[in-house]
Amino acid sequence: MIAVFMETRDGKIKKSSLEALSEANRRSADIGCEAVAVLAGPEPEEAAGPAFSAGAARVHVLVSPALADYSAQGYAMALADWAREARPAALLFAATAMGRDLAPRAAARLGVGLVSDCVKIGVRDGRLEFTRPIYAGKAVLSCRLRSSPQMATLRPNVFPLEGAAGGTGEIVRTDVVIPDGAVKGRVVEVLKEQGGEIDVTEAEVVVTGGRGLKGPENFALLRELAAVFPKAAVGASRSAVDSGWIGHQHQVGQTGKTVSPNLYFAIGVSGAIQHLAGMSSSKVIVAVNKDPEAPIFKIADYGIVGDLFQVVPALTGEIKKALAE
């Protein structure tokens, strides 16, 4: 079987995990096995429904009061113990902040290899073959893992989400024992960003600003543009984040988050290689920059050379008109 760890937030499975499960379901058909989902928490059964809709033959729930809040140590311990018993052929995660934190810890406990940030999965000689970008996106690497289970994280918004609503199936409950003192850190408070903005890794449209915005107050222009689209988020280059104009959770790039939206706006972003590494897999890229030689134009599908303070309001207005028609 191919197992997928399902990340939850506010009692609901995240879209990126359902995408990974959909891909596991497709690949399981290729190698003649089944796809299963793995949930963890104090009472995770309540969130299981969407996993069946995305193709899970079963949902394994790892239950413990110690798993009420995410901790890398507790979750890695529970997941590794389950994998030793269940012996899946592969164990997949979404390449979110949690997935990037949890997957390597679980792999270390199991003593197996891990392929991170995969953008494609194939089957060769009966085993999964993973493809991921390397050298800041300048090349791609395809590899198979000799260890078992094969472990990988999958980039969000790359793998199609499939399945019908209202799925049901078997839930297998496993009570997990986390020894006292095994978890060294604990969550004392979760601070949610004001405005309820979705994470840039989950957004279908990302509007990113760079140093060209000249100050934090001008991110309002980007939020107005993002507000035109459903499921949109505001991103930022490292220079904008380092300047304190916007929080680090918005940073896109090699030292920030990797995004693959359907539409990516690069507003006042020069296009340094570190930034391109985090957004070059976007489906359509639109760049606005006053410098016609800016590197961002080399990968942009559409480029506008001009003053962003004039271009962005006009662009927002025209998109509103087009969507209203």
Protein backbone atom coordinates (compact mmCIF):
# COMPACT_ATOMS: atom_id res chain seq x y z
CA MET A 1 0.00 0.00 0.00
CA ILE A 2 0.91 3.64 -0.45
CA ALA A 3 0.20 5.66 2.70
CA VAL A 4 -0.27 9.43 2.88
CA PHE A 5 -0.05 11.47 6.07
CA MET A 6 -3.03 13.84 6.17
CA GLU A 7 -2.34 17.24 7.66
CA THR A 8 -5.30 18.89 9.36
CA ARG A 9 -6.07 22.42 10.38
CA ASP A 10 -9.13 23.44 12.41
CA GLY A 11 -10.39 19.86 12.17
CA LYS A 12 -10.25 19.69 8.37
CA ILE A 13 -7.79 17.95 6.05
CA LYS A 14 -5.70 20.41 4.06
CA LYS A 15 -6.08 20.52 0.29
CA SER A 16 -2.36 19.81 -0.23
CA SER A 17 -2.70 16.49 1.63
CA LEU A 18 -5.73 15.53 -0.47
CA GLU A 19 -3.70 16.28 -3.60
CA ALA A 20 -0.96 13.93 -2.36
CA LEU A 21 -3.57 11.27 -1.63
CA SER A 22 -5.07 11.63 -5.10
CA GLU A 23 -1.63 11.05 -6.63
CA ALA A 24 -1.06 8.06 -4.34
CA ASN A 25 -4.36 6.61 -5.54
CA ARG A 26 -3.31 6.98 -9.18
CA ARG A 27 0.11 5.42 -8.61
CA SER A 28 -1.29 2.60 -6.46
CA ALA A 29 -3.35 1.51 -9.48
CA ASP A 30 -0.13 1.35 -11.52
CA ILE A 31 1.65 -0.97 -9.09
CA GLY A 32 -1.33 -3.06 -8.04
CA CYS A 33 -1.85 -1.96 -4.43
CA GLU A 34 -4.11 0.46 -2.55
CA ALA A 35 -3.82 3.97 -1.21
CA VAL A 36 -4.53 4.65 2.46
CA ALA A 37 -4.63 7.81 4.55
CA VAL A 38 -3.11 8.32 7.99
CA LEU A 39 -4.58 10.84 10.45
CA ALA A 40 -3.30 11.71 13.91
CA GLY A 41 -4.90 13.47 16.84
CA PRO A 42 -7.02 13.02 19.97
CA GLU A 43 -10.16 12.13 17.92
CA PRO A 44 -9.15 12.33 14.25
CA GLU A 45 -12.00 10.17 12.89
CA GLU A 46 -14.21 13.25 12.47
CA ALA A 47 -11.95 14.58 9.71
CA ALA A 48 -11.73 11.34 7.70
CA GLY A 49 -14.53 11.90 5.15
CA PRO A 50 -12.60 13.89 2.48
CA ALA A 51 -9.83 11.25 2.50
CA PHE A 52 -12.26 8.62 1.23
CA SER A 53 -13.45 11.05 -1.43
CA ALA A 54 -9.85 11.50 -2.61
CA GLY A 55 -9.37 7.75 -3.09
CA ALA A 56 -8.35 6.25 0.25
CA ALA A 57 -9.24 2.57 0.58
CA ARG A 58 -8.92 2.93 4.37
CA VAL A 59 -8.13 5.63 6.86
CA HIS A 60 -5.77 4.76 9.71
CA VAL A 61 -6.21 7.03 12.71
CA LEU A 62 -3.48 7.35 15.32
CA VAL A 63 -5.16 8.39 18.55
CA SER A 64 -3.57 9.95 21.62
CA PRO A 65 -4.25 13.00 23.80
CA ALA A 66 -0.56 13.84 23.27
CA LEU A 67 -1.31 14.39 19.57
CA ALA A 68 -3.88 17.13 20.20
CA ASP A 69 -1.39 19.80 19.12
CA TYR A 70 1.29 19.19 16.52
CA SER A 71 4.77 18.39 17.77
CA ALA A 72 7.46 17.02 15.50
CA GLN A 73 8.71 14.57 18.13
CA GLY A 74 5.32 13.16 19.08
CA TYR A 75 3.97 12.89 15.56
CA ALA A 76 7.20 11.39 14.20
CA MET A 77 7.20 8.79 16.96
CA ALA A 78 3.57 7.81 16.35
CA LEU A 79 3.95 7.71 12.57
CA ALA A 80 7.19 5.71 12.60
CA ASP A 81 5.74 3.15 15.02
CA TRP A 82 2.70 2.76 12.78
CA ALA A 83 4.85 2.37 9.64
CA ARG A 84 6.95 -0.37 11.25
CA GLU A 85 3.79 -2.32 11.96
CA ALA A 86 1.83 -1.57 8.76
CA ARG A 87 4.86 -1.80 6.42
CA PRO A 88 3.59 0.45 3.58
CA ALA A 89 5.53 0.38 0.31
CA ALA A 90 5.62 4.18 0.36
CA LEU A 91 4.79 6.96 2.80
CA LEU A 92 4.02 10.38 1.31
CA PHE A 93 3.52 13.87 2.74
CA ALA A 94 2.54 17.26 1.35
CA ALA A 95 5.57 19.57 1.18
CA THR A 96 4.04 22.10 3.57
CA ALA A 97 5.72 23.59 6.61
CA MET A 98 4.48 20.66 8.68
CA GLY A 99 5.35 18.07 6.04
CA ARG A 100 8.88 19.41 5.66
CA ASP A 101 9.28 19.27 9.43
CA LEU A 102 7.71 15.88 10.05
CA ALA A 103 8.82 13.77 7.07
CA PRO A 104 12.60 13.88 7.68
CA ARG A 105 12.12 13.14 11.39
CA ALA A 106 9.94 10.13 10.61
CA ALA A 107 12.43 8.98 7.94
CA ALA A 108 15.28 9.23 10.44
CA ARG A 109 13.37 7.11 12.96
CA LEU A 110 12.71 4.50 10.27
CA GLY A 111 16.28 4.65 8.93
CA VAL A 112 15.17 5.26 5.34
CA GLY A 113 15.76 7.84 2.62
CA LEU A 114 13.53 10.77 1.72
CA VAL A 115 12.95 12.67 -1.53
CA SER A 116 11.73 16.21 -0.90
CA ASP A 117 9.62 18.64 -2.94
CA CYS A 118 8.60 16.20 -5.69
CA VAL A 119 6.75 17.53 -8.73
CA LYS A 120 6.14 14.19 -10.48
CA ILE A 121 5.79 10.52 -9.55
CA GLY A 122 6.10 7.69 -12.05
CA VAL A 123 6.45 3.93 -11.88
CA ARG A 124 9.50 2.04 -13.13
CA ASP A 125 10.19 -1.66 -12.64
CA GLY A 126 7.34 -1.85 -10.17
CA ARG A 127 8.68 0.89 -7.88
CA LEU A 128 7.86 4.56 -7.58
CA GLU A 129 10.17 7.01 -9.32
CA PHE A 130 10.25 10.54 -7.95
CA THR A 131 11.15 13.72 -9.86
CA ARG A 132 12.20 16.92 -8.09
CA PRO A 133 13.90 20.21 -9.09
CA ILE A 134 17.56 20.67 -8.18
CA TYR A 135 20.08 23.53 -8.45
CA ALA A 136 17.41 26.15 -7.72
CA GLY A 137 15.17 24.78 -10.45
CA LYS A 138 17.78 24.77 -13.21
CA ALA A 139 17.59 20.98 -13.57
CA VAL A 140 15.38 18.08 -12.48
CA LEU A 141 16.40 14.83 -10.83
CA SER A 142 14.56 11.50 -11.12
CA CYS A 143 15.35 8.80 -8.59
CA ARG A 144 14.10 5.61 -6.96
CA LEU A 145 14.67 4.76 -3.33
CA ARG A 146 16.11 1.38 -2.33
CA SER A 147 14.85 1.69 1.23
CA SER A 148 11.35 0.78 2.33
CA PRO A 149 9.06 2.51 2.83
CA GLN A 150 9.88 4.94 0.05
CA MET A 151 9.29 8.38 1.53
CA ALA A 152 8.69 11.68 -0.23
CA THR A 153 7.12 15.11 0.15
CA LEU A 154 4.97 16.39 -2.73
CA ARG A 155 4.83 20.03 -3.78
CA PRO A 156 1.34 21.54 -3.29
CA ASN A 157 -0.73 22.69 -6.28
CA VAL A 158 1.16 20.39 -8.67
CA PHE A 159 -0.78 17.12 -8.45
CA PRO A 160 -4.45 17.19 -9.54
CA LEU A 161 -7.05 16.72 -6.84
CA GLU A 162 -9.58 14.09 -7.87
CA GLY A 163 -12.51 12.33 -6.27
CA ALA A 164 -16.21 12.70 -5.62
CA ALA A 165 -17.75 14.20 -2.53
CA GLY A 166 -19.32 12.06 0.16
CA GLY A 167 -16.96 9.10 0.22
CA THR A 168 -17.04 6.57 3.04
CA GLY A 169 -14.92 3.57 4.00
CA GLU A 170 -13.18 1.64 6.75
CA ILE A 171 -11.53 3.49 9.61
CA VAL A 172 -8.81 1.59 11.47
CA ARG A 173 -8.09 3.00 14.93
CA THR A 174 -4.71 2.64 16.63
CA ASP A 175 -4.25 3.91 20.17
CA VAL A 176 -0.81 5.46 20.46
CA VAL A 177 1.24 5.67 23.62
CA ILE A 178 3.58 8.67 23.82
CA PRO A 179 5.83 8.25 26.89
CA ASP A 180 5.97 11.06 29.38
CA GLY A 181 8.89 13.33 28.60
CA ALA A 182 9.21 12.10 24.99
CA VAL A 183 7.92 15.42 23.64
CA LYS A 184 10.32 18.15 24.71
CA GLY A 185 8.34 21.08 23.36
CA ARG A 186 4.64 21.86 23.43
CA VAL A 187 2.31 24.30 21.73
CA VAL A 188 1.13 26.97 24.18
CA GLU A 189 -0.67 29.24 21.72
CA VAL A 190 -1.54 29.41 18.03
CA LEU A 191 -1.55 32.92 16.57
CA LYS A 192 -3.62 33.27 13.41
CA GLU A 193 -2.91 36.04 10.95
CA GLN A 194 -5.47 38.81 10.88
CA GLY A 195 -7.81 38.78 7.91
CA GLY A 196 -7.82 35.00 7.52
CA GLU A 197 -5.48 35.01 4.52
CA ILE A 198 -4.81 31.56 3.11
CA ASP A 199 -1.28 30.21 2.96
CA VAL A 200 0.65 31.04 -0.21
CA THR A 201 1.40 27.35 -0.77
CA GLU A 202 -2.35 26.59 -0.94
CA ALA A 203 -3.41 29.58 -3.04
CA GLU A 204 -4.47 29.26 -6.66
CA VAL A 205 -3.40 32.87 -7.31
CA VAL A 206 -0.37 34.47 -5.63
CA VAL A 207 0.36 38.20 -5.86
CA THR A 208 3.95 38.80 -4.77
CA GLY A 209 5.67 42.10 -4.08
CA GLY A 210 9.35 42.94 -3.94
CA ARG A 211 11.64 45.84 -3.17
CA GLY A 212 9.98 47.85 -5.93
CA LEU A 213 7.02 48.48 -3.63
CA LYS A 214 9.24 50.89 -1.66
CA GLY A 215 7.46 50.38 1.66
CA PRO A 216 5.05 48.24 3.70
CA GLU A 217 2.07 50.53 3.09
CA ASN A 218 2.12 49.73 -0.62
CA PHE A 219 1.31 46.05 -0.06
CA ALA A 220 -2.28 47.36 0.09
CA LEU A 221 -2.10 47.55 -3.72
CA LEU A 222 -1.34 43.84 -3.87
CA ARG A 223 -4.07 42.94 -1.41
CA GLU A 224 -6.58 44.81 -3.57
CA LEU A 225 -5.45 42.81 -6.60
CA ALA A 226 -5.51 39.53 -4.68
CA ALA A 227 -9.01 40.28 -3.38
CA VAL A 228 -10.32 40.15 -6.96
CA PHE A 229 -9.64 36.42 -7.13
CA PRO A 230 -11.01 33.59 -5.01
CA LYS A 231 -8.36 31.52 -3.21
CA ALA A 232 -5.65 34.17 -3.65
CA ALA A 233 -2.81 35.13 -1.31
CA VAL A 234 -0.18 37.84 -1.04
CA GLY A 235 3.47 36.80 -1.28
CA ALA A 236 6.75 38.65 -0.88
CA SER A 237 10.38 38.46 -1.93
CA ARG A 238 13.09 37.99 0.66
CA SER A 239 14.17 41.64 0.37
CA ALA A 240 10.67 42.82 1.29
CA VAL A 241 10.52 40.43 4.26
CA ASP A 242 14.03 41.34 5.45
CA SER A 243 13.02 45.00 5.32
CA GLY A 244 10.21 44.25 7.75
CA TRP A 245 7.46 45.21 5.32
CA ILE A 246 5.54 41.94 5.68
CA GLY A 247 5.74 38.73 7.73
CA HIS A 248 8.05 35.83 6.90
CA GLN A 249 5.06 33.52 6.34
CA HIS A 250 4.52 35.37 3.03
CA GLN A 251 8.07 34.85 1.73
CA VAL A 252 8.41 32.99 -1.56
CA GLY A 253 11.79 31.63 -2.61
CA GLN A 254 14.63 29.32 -1.74
CA THR A 255 14.67 30.42 1.91
CA GLY A 256 10.91 30.88 2.05
CA LYS A 257 8.04 28.86 0.61
CA THR A 258 7.72 27.08 -2.71
CA VAL A 259 4.50 27.82 -4.57
CA SER A 260 2.87 26.44 -7.72
CA PRO A 261 -0.30 28.50 -8.26
CA ASN A 262 -2.31 28.64 -11.45
CA LEU A 263 -1.48 32.35 -11.70
CA TYR A 264 1.52 34.16 -10.20
CA PHE A 265 1.99 37.94 -10.21
CA ALA A 266 5.53 39.21 -9.60
CA ILE A 267 5.13 42.92 -8.79
CA GLY A 268 8.33 44.91 -8.38
CA VAL A 269 10.31 41.68 -8.08
CA SER A 270 13.65 41.61 -9.91
CA GLY A 271 13.76 37.81 -10.17
CA ALA A 272 16.90 36.68 -8.34
CA ILE A 273 17.64 32.98 -8.76
CA GLN A 274 16.73 32.36 -5.11
CA HIS A 275 13.25 33.76 -5.73
CA LEU A 276 12.80 31.89 -9.01
CA ALA A 277 13.51 28.62 -7.18
CA GLY A 278 10.34 29.12 -5.17
CA MET A 279 7.88 30.04 -7.94
CA SER A 280 9.17 28.89 -11.34
CA SER A 281 6.70 25.98 -11.43
CA SER A 282 3.72 28.37 -11.46
CA LYS A 283 1.37 27.69 -14.36
CA VAL A 284 1.19 31.30 -15.65
CA ILE A 285 3.57 34.07 -14.55
CA VAL A 286 2.82 37.78 -14.96
CA ALA A 287 5.64 40.23 -14.17
CA VAL A 288 5.45 43.99 -13.63
CA ASN A 289 8.76 45.84 -13.38
CA LYS A 290 10.09 49.18 -14.59
CA ASP A 291 13.44 47.59 -15.54
CA PRO A 292 13.13 45.88 -18.95
CA GLU A 293 16.29 43.87 -18.19
CA ALA A 294 14.96 42.40 -14.93
CA PRO A 295 15.63 38.63 -14.81
CA ILE A 296 11.98 37.93 -13.95
CA PHE A 297 11.02 38.67 -17.56
CA LYS A 298 13.05 35.67 -18.75
CA ILE A 299 10.57 33.24 -17.22
CA ALA A 300 7.39 35.36 -17.29
CA ASP A 301 4.60 34.37 -19.65
CA TYR A 302 3.42 37.98 -19.70
CA GLY A 303 5.55 41.01 -18.86
CA ILE A 304 4.61 44.65 -18.30
CA VAL A 305 7.41 47.21 -18.28
CA GLY A 306 6.18 50.19 -16.33
CA ASP A 307 5.61 51.93 -13.01
CA LEU A 308 3.85 49.41 -10.76
CA PHE A 309 2.04 52.22 -8.93
CA GLN A 310 0.26 53.03 -12.18
CA VAL A 311 0.08 49.52 -13.64
CA VAL A 312 -1.30 47.60 -10.65
CA PRO A 313 -4.40 49.80 -9.99
CA ALA A 314 -5.19 49.79 -13.72
CA LEU A 315 -4.68 46.02 -13.89
CA THR A 316 -6.93 45.50 -10.86
CA GLY A 317 -9.66 47.59 -12.43
CA GLU A 318 -9.51 45.79 -15.77
CA ILE A 319 -9.60 42.35 -14.14
CA LYS A 320 -12.64 43.38 -12.08
CA LYS A 321 -14.40 44.46 -15.28
CA ALA A 322 -13.49 41.22 -17.07
CA LEU A 323 -14.72 39.04 -14.20
CA ALA A 324 -17.96 41.01 -13.94
CA GLU A 325 -18.87 40.40 -17.58
